[in-house]
Amino acid sequence: MSARRFLPLLRSELRLILRERMTWAILAALLAALCLGAETGARRVAGEGKAIAEAREDTARSVREAREASARYAQPSALKVNYWQDPTHAFGYMHYFLTTYAVKPPTPLGALSAGQSEIQPAVMKTSFGFSTVFDDTAYEPGSAAALRLGPFDLAFVLVYLVPLAVIALAGTRIAAERDAGILRLIAAQPVEPRIVAGAKFGAAALVLVAAVLGGTALALALAGQPALSPGWAVTLALLATALCAYTVLWVAACALAASLWRGSVAALTILVLAWASLTIVLPALLGLAVAALAPPSSRIEAIDASRRVQDAFYRGDEASRVTAAWLAVRVPAGADRPDLRETPQIKRLARDAFYDATLAPYRAAMQARAEGAAVWSARLGLLSPATALALSLDTAAGTDAARHAAFLAAASAHRQTLRAFFEPRILAQEVRPAAVCAGCPARLDFDAYDSVPSFPAAPALDAARWQALLGAISLWGMTLILVRLALRRFAVWSV
């Protein structure tokens, strides 16, 4: 391709595109959509931040109330305090006062994509209820109609509307000139078709890439995008590279459609069908493949198992047998003490451990399925340009399936950490009860409120950066393939 002929044509095409009113109408509509999507994402991030702040305040409130109650109960009084409501005893605090949450805070790029956040909670209260089967049962997903429509976020605009803007702007290049009879005049000039096509679609690519990247940056700035640390700045740069590749890919698709040497109607029809196939049909097929490779476990079956194990515990002398076996492992000397076996606190701990052990296979199956689905989604998602970009945006925003699967696993592990913290303290007091205050209404043997383990929030930077890199490589690979095909087809004029 001769630079001496190409560069003047490129400049001419740029001036032509920028003089067209339709160009500015398309770019204005795209910018409006980008701003709306970014604002939607910013509101979602603010909502999650508010929910997390409320969860932390609720946790602090429960500690304050426990301390206040402890101060009141430290004075002799005729007031009677039930053991399960006593904040000065490890059992009462664990089951009545303890308020702790597992949280999945949004990343600094959380405004990019809602992902599955509408049905995957970012805040979950840790519960020690006997009927707990799933960690996310206390979450209200909201309107079913809204869930079907999905959020109008920045990822939706970039994945679905940017290709339509590219098609509207570049889809009829060369094809419109063929319809008007101008293409024969161009072909009669001493210029190769590759130079003409390269100038036309190169100019469109320059305008569209600048508009998409600039519009996205402006939309994020208007939505209040916070300053990024160096690690997240690298991730954002990789995402910009992937978005640039995605835009050029659709320009290359327009060039490939033009290389068929058909009219504008045929070119637009082919491009719209390609858009539907690559952004809707192919991702749907990949979703079916993920469901086949990582089939979901039955939540109904797990709930039914929970009901059956509860019934079994209270049938006959099963409760006594389970409690004795539980004590034999933890306090061998106390297994033969009937008074200890019949203590409500001990029976409750033994019962919960029995439930957990029985339901563990169901929880493990659900967790394995979630992790498997996330792995297969990450692998198969790179086969489609739409899912490759969407997965990169979701991971950067922290709303991807892999992060949520890890969040659920961490929430389950946190509950076990809390149980391991409280159980030895409860056992110690029940095995060797010691009165701390004569005449006081409470036990006054627990005040380690600040030592209760808090939920550790998992970092998301490494996964976001890696996925953005994979997405960029995948998209640029697809783009180069389309560019090469288009250049081969533009080897000779066919008018």
Protein backbone atom coordinates (compact mmCIF):
# COMPACT_ATOMS: atom_id res chain seq x y z
CA MET A 1 0.00 0.00 0.00
CA SER A 2 1.69 3.22 -1.18
CA ALA A 3 1.94 5.85 1.57
CA ARG A 4 2.22 8.59 -1.10
CA ARG A 5 -1.27 7.79 -2.35
CA PHE A 6 -2.77 6.48 0.88
CA LEU A 7 -2.19 9.42 3.22
CA PRO A 8 -3.85 12.08 1.01
CA LEU A 9 -6.85 9.80 0.54
CA LEU A 10 -7.00 9.18 4.30
CA ARG A 11 -7.00 12.91 5.03
CA SER A 12 -9.66 13.46 2.40
CA GLU A 13 -11.85 10.73 3.87
CA LEU A 14 -11.42 12.15 7.35
CA ARG A 15 -12.59 15.56 6.20
CA LEU A 16 -15.53 13.96 4.40
CA ILE A 17 -16.64 11.95 7.43
CA LEU A 18 -16.33 14.89 9.79
CA ARG A 19 -18.37 17.14 7.47
CA GLU A 20 -21.32 14.74 7.41
CA ARG A 21 -24.16 15.65 9.76
CA MET A 22 -25.04 11.99 10.18
CA THR A 23 -21.59 11.36 11.67
CA TRP A 24 -22.16 13.90 14.42
CA ALA A 25 -25.71 12.65 15.03
CA ILE A 26 -24.43 9.09 15.51
CA LEU A 27 -21.58 10.18 17.76
CA ALA A 28 -23.85 12.43 19.82
CA ALA A 29 -26.31 9.58 20.37
CA LEU A 30 -23.43 7.28 21.33
CA LEU A 31 -22.04 9.83 23.78
CA ALA A 32 -25.46 10.27 25.38
CA ALA A 33 -25.75 6.49 25.78
CA LEU A 34 -22.25 6.27 27.28
CA CYS A 35 -23.03 9.03 29.79
CA LEU A 36 -26.30 7.38 30.78
CA GLY A 37 -24.61 4.00 31.17
CA ALA A 38 -21.81 5.47 33.28
CA GLU A 39 -24.31 7.30 35.49
CA THR A 40 -26.26 4.07 35.99
CA GLY A 41 -23.06 2.31 36.99
CA ALA A 42 -22.06 5.10 39.35
CA ARG A 43 -25.46 4.94 41.07
CA ARG A 44 -25.11 1.18 41.47
CA VAL A 45 -21.64 1.56 42.98
CA ALA A 46 -22.92 4.26 45.32
CA GLY A 47 -25.79 1.99 46.35
CA GLU A 48 -23.42 -0.87 47.10
CA GLY A 49 -21.15 1.48 49.02
CA LYS A 50 -24.11 2.68 51.07
CA ALA A 51 -25.19 -0.89 51.81
CA ILE A 52 -21.68 -1.80 52.94
CA ALA A 53 -21.51 1.31 55.14
CA GLU A 54 -24.87 0.40 56.69
CA ALA A 55 -23.61 -3.13 57.33
CA ARG A 56 -20.54 -1.77 59.10
CA GLU A 57 -22.68 0.60 61.14
CA ASP A 58 -24.99 -2.28 62.05
CA THR A 59 -21.97 -4.27 63.22
CA ALA A 60 -20.71 -1.34 65.31
CA ARG A 61 -24.21 -0.80 66.72
CA SER A 62 -24.44 -4.42 67.89
CA VAL A 63 -21.11 -4.08 69.70
CA ARG A 64 -22.22 -0.84 71.36
CA GLU A 65 -25.47 -2.43 72.52
CA ALA A 66 -23.60 -5.45 73.86
CA ARG A 67 -21.24 -3.23 75.83
CA GLU A 68 -24.13 -1.16 77.21
CA ALA A 69 -26.00 -4.31 78.21
CA SER A 70 -22.85 -5.71 79.79
CA ALA A 71 -22.46 -2.55 81.86
CA ARG A 72 -26.07 -2.77 83.05
CA TYR A 73 -25.86 -6.46 83.89
CA ALA A 74 -22.63 -6.01 85.87
CA GLN A 75 -24.67 -4.69 88.82
CA PRO A 76 -26.59 -7.02 91.15
CA SER A 77 -30.23 -7.01 90.14
CA ALA A 78 -33.40 -9.08 90.29
CA LEU A 79 -33.67 -8.84 86.50
CA LYS A 80 -33.60 -12.23 84.77
CA VAL A 81 -31.65 -12.52 81.48
CA ASN A 82 -32.23 -15.55 79.28
CA TYR A 83 -29.04 -17.40 78.37
CA TRP A 84 -29.63 -16.96 74.65
CA GLN A 85 -29.99 -13.18 75.07
CA ASP A 86 -26.99 -12.65 77.32
CA PRO A 87 -24.33 -10.54 75.55
CA THR A 88 -21.84 -11.23 78.34
CA HIS A 89 -21.80 -14.95 77.54
CA ALA A 90 -20.19 -16.28 74.36
CA PHE A 91 -23.28 -18.30 73.40
CA GLY A 92 -25.72 -15.41 73.92
CA TYR A 93 -23.52 -12.99 72.04
CA MET A 94 -22.94 -15.41 69.16
CA HIS A 95 -26.60 -16.27 68.61
CA TYR A 96 -28.41 -13.09 69.60
CA PHE A 97 -26.15 -10.03 69.54
CA LEU A 98 -23.51 -10.88 66.97
CA THR A 99 -24.02 -8.92 63.77
CA THR A 100 -21.43 -9.51 61.10
CA TYR A 101 -21.49 -9.34 57.33
CA ALA A 102 -19.59 -10.76 54.41
CA VAL A 103 -19.02 -7.90 51.97
CA LYS A 104 -17.85 -7.71 48.37
CA PRO A 105 -16.91 -4.07 47.87
CA PRO A 106 -17.01 -2.63 44.34
CA THR A 107 -13.67 -2.11 42.64
CA PRO A 108 -12.41 1.36 41.61
CA LEU A 109 -13.75 0.51 38.12
CA GLY A 110 -17.09 -0.72 39.43
CA ALA A 111 -19.06 1.74 37.28
CA LEU A 112 -18.03 -0.08 34.10
CA SER A 113 -20.36 -3.06 34.41
CA ALA A 114 -23.19 -4.33 36.58
CA GLY A 115 -22.49 -7.92 35.53
CA GLN A 116 -24.60 -10.27 37.62
CA SER A 117 -24.74 -7.94 40.63
CA GLU A 118 -28.53 -7.67 40.37
CA ILE A 119 -28.81 -11.31 41.47
CA GLN A 120 -25.46 -11.76 43.22
CA PRO A 121 -25.41 -9.80 46.51
CA ALA A 122 -22.45 -7.72 47.61
CA VAL A 123 -23.51 -7.82 51.29
CA MET A 124 -24.61 -10.96 53.14
CA LYS A 125 -25.35 -11.26 56.83
CA THR A 126 -23.63 -14.18 58.50
CA SER A 127 -26.22 -16.34 60.22
CA PHE A 128 -26.04 -19.28 62.60
CA GLY A 129 -29.65 -20.27 62.09
CA PHE A 130 -30.33 -23.99 61.99
CA SER A 131 -32.03 -23.78 58.58
CA THR A 132 -29.15 -22.05 56.82
CA VAL A 133 -28.42 -23.93 53.60
CA PHE A 134 -27.23 -21.17 51.26
CA ASP A 135 -25.26 -18.06 52.04
CA ASP A 136 -27.35 -15.77 49.84
CA THR A 137 -30.87 -16.58 51.04
CA ALA A 138 -31.33 -13.25 52.83
CA TYR A 139 -30.92 -11.28 49.61
CA GLU A 140 -33.85 -9.70 47.78
CA PRO A 141 -33.13 -9.63 44.03
CA GLY A 142 -35.84 -7.08 43.19
CA SER A 143 -38.27 -6.87 40.30
CA ALA A 144 -38.33 -9.88 37.96
CA ALA A 145 -39.22 -7.60 35.03
CA ALA A 146 -36.20 -5.41 35.73
CA LEU A 147 -33.98 -8.48 35.93
CA ARG A 148 -35.19 -9.64 32.51
CA LEU A 149 -34.40 -6.28 30.95
CA GLY A 150 -31.02 -6.01 32.62
CA PRO A 151 -29.24 -2.81 33.62
CA PHE A 152 -28.45 -0.13 31.05
CA ASP A 153 -24.84 0.15 32.11
CA LEU A 154 -21.64 1.16 30.38
CA ALA A 155 -20.86 -2.44 29.45
CA PHE A 156 -24.19 -2.73 27.62
CA VAL A 157 -23.42 0.37 25.58
CA LEU A 158 -19.88 -0.73 24.75
CA VAL A 159 -20.73 -4.34 23.91
CA TYR A 160 -24.04 -3.88 22.07
CA LEU A 161 -24.44 -0.27 20.94
CA VAL A 162 -20.90 0.56 19.82
CA PRO A 163 -21.07 -2.07 17.01
CA LEU A 164 -24.36 -0.56 15.85
CA ALA A 165 -22.76 2.90 15.80
CA VAL A 166 -19.86 1.48 13.78
CA ILE A 167 -22.27 -0.15 11.33
CA ALA A 168 -24.28 3.07 11.00
CA LEU A 169 -21.16 5.08 10.27
CA ALA A 170 -19.03 2.67 8.24
CA GLY A 171 -21.46 0.03 7.02
CA THR A 172 -22.22 1.65 3.66
CA ARG A 173 -18.75 2.90 2.79
CA ILE A 174 -17.95 1.78 -0.77
CA ALA A 175 -21.38 0.08 -1.02
CA ALA A 176 -23.14 3.48 -1.20
CA GLU A 177 -20.71 4.65 -3.88
CA ARG A 178 -21.40 1.49 -5.83
CA ASP A 179 -25.14 2.22 -5.68
CA ALA A 180 -24.54 5.78 -6.88
CA GLY A 181 -22.32 4.62 -9.76
CA ILE A 182 -19.30 6.52 -8.40
CA LEU A 183 -17.31 3.38 -7.71
CA ARG A 184 -16.74 2.77 -11.45
CA LEU A 185 -15.17 6.21 -11.73
CA ILE A 186 -12.92 5.48 -8.75
CA ALA A 187 -11.94 2.12 -10.20
CA ALA A 188 -10.95 3.81 -13.44
CA GLN A 189 -8.29 5.81 -11.61
CA PRO A 190 -4.73 4.47 -11.24
CA VAL A 191 -5.24 3.46 -7.60
CA GLU A 192 -5.49 0.04 -6.00
CA PRO A 193 -8.75 -0.99 -4.28
CA ARG A 194 -6.78 -1.72 -1.11
CA ILE A 195 -5.65 1.88 -0.91
CA VAL A 196 -9.19 3.19 -1.42
CA ALA A 197 -10.70 0.74 1.09
CA GLY A 198 -7.86 1.35 3.56
CA ALA A 199 -8.41 5.11 3.40
CA LYS A 200 -12.17 4.90 3.74
CA PHE A 201 -12.29 2.38 6.57
CA GLY A 202 -9.10 3.68 8.17
CA ALA A 203 -10.67 7.13 8.46
CA ALA A 204 -13.82 5.61 9.92
CA ALA A 205 -11.73 3.61 12.41
CA LEU A 206 -9.81 6.70 13.54
CA VAL A 207 -13.00 8.69 14.09
CA LEU A 208 -14.79 5.83 15.87
CA VAL A 209 -11.89 4.81 18.10
CA ALA A 210 -11.36 8.42 19.16
CA ALA A 211 -15.10 8.86 19.77
CA VAL A 212 -15.53 5.61 21.73
CA LEU A 213 -12.44 6.00 23.90
CA GLY A 214 -12.95 9.73 24.39
CA GLY A 215 -16.67 9.35 25.02
CA THR A 216 -16.09 6.57 27.55
CA ALA A 217 -13.46 8.63 29.39
CA LEU A 218 -15.75 11.68 29.42
CA ALA A 219 -18.71 9.62 30.62
CA LEU A 220 -16.68 8.14 33.48
CA ALA A 221 -15.35 11.57 34.44
CA LEU A 222 -18.85 13.08 34.49
CA ALA A 223 -20.09 10.13 36.58
CA GLY A 224 -17.40 10.84 39.20
CA GLN A 225 -14.80 8.18 38.43
CA PRO A 226 -12.28 8.28 41.30
CA ALA A 227 -8.54 8.56 40.76
CA LEU A 228 -6.94 5.17 40.21
CA SER A 229 -3.90 3.65 41.85
CA PRO A 230 -1.10 2.56 39.48
CA GLY A 231 -2.32 -1.05 39.43
CA TRP A 232 -5.83 -0.11 38.42
CA ALA A 233 -4.54 2.46 35.93
CA VAL A 234 -2.75 -0.36 34.11
CA THR A 235 -5.98 -2.37 34.09
CA LEU A 236 -7.86 0.60 32.64
CA ALA A 237 -5.20 1.00 29.94
CA LEU A 238 -5.57 -2.67 29.00
CA LEU A 239 -9.35 -2.25 28.86
CA ALA A 240 -8.89 0.75 26.56
CA THR A 241 -6.72 -1.43 24.32
CA ALA A 242 -9.40 -4.13 24.27
CA LEU A 243 -12.11 -1.55 23.50
CA CYS A 244 -9.99 -0.12 20.71
CA ALA A 245 -9.64 -3.64 19.25
CA TYR A 246 -13.38 -4.23 19.58
CA THR A 247 -14.17 -1.03 17.68
CA VAL A 248 -11.64 -1.74 14.92
CA LEU A 249 -12.98 -5.30 14.67
CA TRP A 250 -16.41 -4.00 13.70
CA VAL A 251 -14.87 -1.54 11.24
CA ALA A 252 -13.03 -4.51 9.72
CA ALA A 253 -16.33 -6.38 9.58
CA CYS A 254 -17.79 -3.43 7.64
CA ALA A 255 -14.84 -3.58 5.25
CA LEU A 256 -15.30 -7.32 4.79
CA ALA A 257 -18.98 -6.80 4.01
CA ALA A 258 -18.05 -4.08 1.50
CA SER A 259 -15.59 -6.47 -0.16
CA LEU A 260 -18.53 -8.57 -1.29
CA TRP A 261 -19.21 -5.76 -3.80
CA ARG A 262 -22.94 -5.60 -3.16
CA GLY A 263 -25.22 -2.64 -2.53
CA SER A 264 -25.90 -0.75 0.68
CA VAL A 265 -29.00 -2.75 1.58
CA ALA A 266 -27.14 -6.05 1.27
CA ALA A 267 -24.13 -4.74 3.21
CA LEU A 268 -26.27 -3.45 6.07
CA THR A 269 -28.30 -6.66 6.15
CA ILE A 270 -25.13 -8.75 6.38
CA LEU A 271 -23.71 -6.53 9.13
CA VAL A 272 -26.89 -6.53 11.22
CA LEU A 273 -27.03 -10.32 10.96
CA ALA A 274 -23.37 -10.47 11.97
CA TRP A 275 -24.10 -8.19 14.93
CA ALA A 276 -26.99 -10.39 16.06
CA SER A 277 -24.92 -13.55 15.62
CA LEU A 278 -21.81 -12.32 17.44
CA THR A 279 -23.46 -10.38 20.27
CA ILE A 280 -26.60 -12.42 20.92
CA VAL A 281 -26.62 -15.87 19.31
CA LEU A 282 -22.99 -16.90 19.91
CA PRO A 283 -22.94 -15.76 23.58
CA ALA A 284 -26.23 -17.62 24.13
CA LEU A 285 -24.72 -20.79 22.65
CA LEU A 286 -21.64 -20.37 24.82
CA GLY A 287 -23.93 -19.98 27.83
CA LEU A 288 -25.62 -23.27 26.97
CA ALA A 289 -22.20 -24.87 26.66
CA VAL A 290 -21.24 -23.61 30.13
CA ALA A 291 -24.48 -24.99 31.57
CA ALA A 292 -23.72 -28.37 29.97
CA LEU A 293 -20.11 -28.44 31.16
CA ALA A 294 -20.98 -27.25 34.69
CA PRO A 295 -24.59 -28.40 35.29
CA PRO A 296 -26.31 -26.63 38.18
CA SER A 297 -27.10 -28.49 41.38
CA SER A 298 -30.66 -28.60 42.66
CA ARG A 299 -31.32 -26.03 45.38
CA ILE A 300 -34.68 -27.68 46.04
CA GLU A 301 -32.93 -30.97 46.77
CA ALA A 302 -30.62 -29.23 49.24
CA ILE A 303 -33.54 -27.51 50.98
CA ASP A 304 -35.37 -30.84 51.21
CA ALA A 305 -32.24 -32.42 52.71
CA SER A 306 -32.17 -29.62 55.29
CA ARG A 307 -35.77 -30.38 56.24
CA ARG A 308 -35.06 -34.09 56.55
CA VAL A 309 -31.96 -33.65 58.71
CA GLN A 310 -33.87 -31.34 61.06
CA ASP A 311 -36.60 -33.94 61.44
CA ALA A 312 -34.02 -36.68 62.02
CA PHE A 313 -32.30 -34.78 64.83
CA TYR A 314 -35.47 -34.53 66.89
CA ARG A 315 -36.59 -38.11 66.25
CA GLY A 316 -36.26 -40.47 69.22
CA ASP A 317 -32.98 -40.21 71.11
CA GLU A 318 -31.03 -38.96 68.09
CA ALA A 319 -30.41 -35.59 69.74
CA SER A 320 -28.78 -37.19 72.78
CA ARG A 321 -26.67 -39.52 70.65
CA VAL A 322 -25.45 -36.69 68.40
CA THR A 323 -24.69 -34.45 71.39
CA ALA A 324 -22.74 -37.20 73.16
CA ALA A 325 -20.72 -37.93 70.02
CA TRP A 326 -20.01 -34.22 69.55
CA LEU A 327 -18.86 -33.87 73.14
CA ALA A 328 -16.71 -37.00 72.94
CA VAL A 329 -14.64 -35.35 70.22
CA ARG A 330 -14.26 -31.95 71.88
CA VAL A 331 -14.45 -32.73 75.61
CA PRO A 332 -13.88 -36.48 76.10
CA ALA A 333 -14.20 -36.18 79.88
CA GLY A 334 -17.61 -34.55 79.53
CA ALA A 335 -19.26 -37.08 77.21
CA ASP A 336 -20.55 -39.10 80.17
CA ARG A 337 -21.95 -36.12 82.04
CA PRO A 338 -25.75 -36.10 81.58
CA ASP A 339 -25.98 -32.56 82.92
CA LEU A 340 -23.56 -31.36 80.26
CA ARG A 341 -25.26 -33.28 77.46
CA GLU A 342 -28.60 -31.72 78.32
CA THR A 343 -27.29 -28.17 78.52
CA PRO A 344 -29.21 -26.14 75.89
CA GLN A 345 -26.06 -24.42 74.67
CA ILE A 346 -24.22 -27.71 74.14
CA LYS A 347 -27.21 -29.28 72.39
CA ARG A 348 -27.46 -26.28 70.10
CA LEU A 349 -23.79 -26.43 69.16
CA ALA A 350 -23.98 -30.17 68.55
CA ARG A 351 -27.15 -29.76 66.49
CA ASP A 352 -25.63 -27.05 64.28
CA ALA A 353 -22.50 -29.15 63.74
CA PHE A 354 -24.72 -32.11 62.81
CA TYR A 355 -26.62 -29.98 60.30
CA ASP A 356 -23.43 -28.59 58.81
CA ALA A 357 -21.88 -32.02 58.38
CA THR A 358 -24.99 -33.45 56.75
CA LEU A 359 -25.51 -30.51 54.38
CA ALA A 360 -21.81 -30.08 53.55
CA PRO A 361 -21.99 -32.21 50.36
CA TYR A 362 -24.83 -30.04 49.02
CA ARG A 363 -22.98 -26.82 49.78
CA ALA A 364 -19.80 -28.26 48.26
CA ALA A 365 -21.68 -29.23 45.10
CA MET A 366 -23.15 -25.75 44.75
CA GLN A 367 -19.73 -24.16 45.31
CA ALA A 368 -18.04 -26.52 42.85
CA ARG A 369 -20.67 -25.72 40.24
CA ALA A 370 -20.23 -21.97 40.75
CA GLU A 371 -16.46 -22.24 40.44
CA GLY A 372 -16.71 -24.56 37.43
CA ALA A 373 -19.14 -22.26 35.65
CA ALA A 374 -16.81 -19.32 36.26
CA VAL A 375 -13.83 -21.23 34.84
CA TRP A 376 -15.68 -22.38 31.73
CA SER A 377 -17.16 -18.92 31.20
CA ALA A 378 -13.66 -17.42 31.27
CA ARG A 379 -12.39 -19.99 28.76
CA LEU A 380 -15.29 -20.00 26.33
CA GLY A 381 -15.86 -16.26 26.62
CA LEU A 382 -12.71 -15.59 24.60
CA LEU A 383 -14.30 -17.29 21.58
CA SER A 384 -16.75 -14.42 21.04
CA PRO A 385 -15.73 -10.75 20.69
CA ALA A 386 -18.79 -9.61 22.66
CA THR A 387 -18.24 -11.99 25.58
CA ALA A 388 -14.47 -11.35 25.57
CA LEU A 389 -15.05 -7.62 26.08
CA ALA A 390 -17.96 -8.14 28.49
CA LEU A 391 -15.93 -10.54 30.63
CA SER A 392 -13.04 -8.08 30.77
CA LEU A 393 -15.39 -5.28 31.85
CA ASP A 394 -17.15 -7.49 34.43
CA THR A 395 -13.87 -8.61 35.96
CA ALA A 396 -12.55 -5.06 36.13
CA ALA A 397 -15.79 -3.98 37.82
CA GLY A 398 -15.63 -6.94 40.21
CA THR A 399 -19.04 -8.23 39.12
CA ASP A 400 -17.85 -11.39 37.35
CA ALA A 401 -18.91 -14.92 38.25
CA ALA A 402 -15.44 -15.98 39.42
CA ARG A 403 -15.24 -13.24 42.04
CA HIS A 404 -18.72 -14.05 43.33
CA ALA A 405 -17.88 -17.75 43.59
CA ALA A 406 -14.80 -16.85 45.61
CA PHE A 407 -16.94 -14.48 47.71
CA LEU A 408 -19.40 -17.27 48.56
CA ALA A 409 -16.53 -19.58 49.51
CA ALA A 410 -15.02 -16.88 51.71
CA ALA A 411 -18.40 -16.24 53.37
CA SER A 412 -18.74 -19.93 54.20
CA ALA A 413 -15.19 -20.04 55.54
CA HIS A 414 -15.86 -16.94 57.64
CA ARG A 415 -18.81 -18.62 59.32
CA GLN A 416 -16.58 -21.53 60.25
CA THR A 417 -13.96 -19.11 61.56
CA LEU A 418 -16.55 -17.47 63.79
CA ARG A 419 -17.76 -20.85 65.03
CA ALA A 420 -14.17 -21.85 65.85
CA PHE A 421 -13.79 -18.57 67.77
CA PHE A 422 -16.91 -18.94 69.91
CA GLU A 423 -17.20 -22.69 70.52
CA PRO A 424 -14.12 -23.09 72.78
CA ARG A 425 -15.25 -20.15 74.89
CA ILE A 426 -18.76 -21.56 75.24
CA LEU A 427 -17.43 -25.02 76.11
CA ALA A 428 -14.98 -23.69 78.68
CA GLN A 429 -17.73 -21.94 80.63
CA GLU A 430 -20.18 -24.83 80.38
CA VAL A 431 -17.65 -27.47 81.44
CA ARG A 432 -16.39 -25.42 84.40
CA PRO A 433 -18.99 -22.76 85.15
CA ALA A 434 -17.65 -19.95 87.31
CA ALA A 435 -19.74 -17.14 88.76
CA VAL A 436 -18.18 -13.76 88.12
CA CYS A 437 -20.61 -11.51 89.93
CA ALA A 438 -22.86 -12.68 92.75
CA GLY A 439 -26.41 -11.50 92.21
CA CYS A 440 -25.77 -10.16 88.71
CA PRO A 441 -28.39 -11.14 86.09
CA ALA A 442 -25.81 -12.10 83.42
CA ARG A 443 -22.87 -14.49 83.14
CA LEU A 444 -20.22 -11.77 82.63
CA ASP A 445 -17.69 -14.26 81.26
CA PHE A 446 -17.32 -12.84 77.73
CA ASP A 447 -16.15 -9.37 76.73
CA ALA A 448 -13.90 -10.08 73.71
CA TYR A 449 -16.09 -8.04 71.36
CA ASP A 450 -13.15 -6.46 69.57
CA SER A 451 -11.48 -9.83 69.02
CA VAL A 452 -14.31 -11.32 66.98
CA PRO A 453 -12.86 -12.10 63.52
CA SER A 454 -13.98 -9.76 60.75
CA PHE A 455 -14.61 -10.77 57.16
CA PRO A 456 -11.51 -10.47 54.94
CA ALA A 457 -12.34 -8.80 51.63
CA ALA A 458 -10.52 -10.54 48.79
CA PRO A 459 -8.51 -8.39 46.34
CA ALA A 460 -9.69 -8.22 42.72
CA LEU A 461 -6.85 -6.35 40.99
CA ASP A 462 -4.80 -9.30 39.72
CA ALA A 463 -7.82 -11.07 38.20
CA ALA A 464 -9.02 -7.83 36.57
CA ARG A 465 -5.63 -7.07 35.04
CA TRP A 466 -5.14 -10.62 33.76
CA GLN A 467 -8.62 -10.81 32.22
CA ALA A 468 -8.19 -7.41 30.56
CA LEU A 469 -4.92 -8.62 29.04
CA LEU A 470 -6.51 -11.85 27.77
CA GLY A 471 -9.47 -9.92 26.37
CA ALA A 472 -7.20 -7.49 24.53
CA ILE A 473 -5.12 -10.28 23.03
CA SER A 474 -8.21 -12.22 21.95
CA LEU A 475 -9.91 -9.19 20.40
CA TRP A 476 -6.81 -8.01 18.55
CA GLY A 477 -6.32 -11.53 17.21
CA MET A 478 -9.87 -11.61 15.83
CA THR A 479 -9.46 -8.09 14.45
CA LEU A 480 -6.26 -8.91 12.58
CA ILE A 481 -7.90 -11.97 11.04
CA LEU A 482 -10.79 -9.86 9.71
CA VAL A 483 -8.43 -7.15 8.45
CA ARG A 484 -6.36 -9.72 6.60
CA LEU A 485 -9.46 -11.28 5.02
CA ALA A 486 -10.74 -7.87 3.92
CA LEU A 487 -7.38 -6.91 2.41
CA ARG A 488 -7.23 -10.16 0.46
CA ARG A 489 -10.68 -9.56 -0.97
CA PHE A 490 -9.79 -6.00 -1.96
CA ALA A 491 -6.92 -7.24 -4.12
CA VAL A 492 -8.78 -6.33 -7.36
CA TRP A 493 -11.74 -4.20 -8.35
CA SER A 494 -15.01 -6.08 -8.88
CA VAL A 495 -17.43 -3.49 -10.20
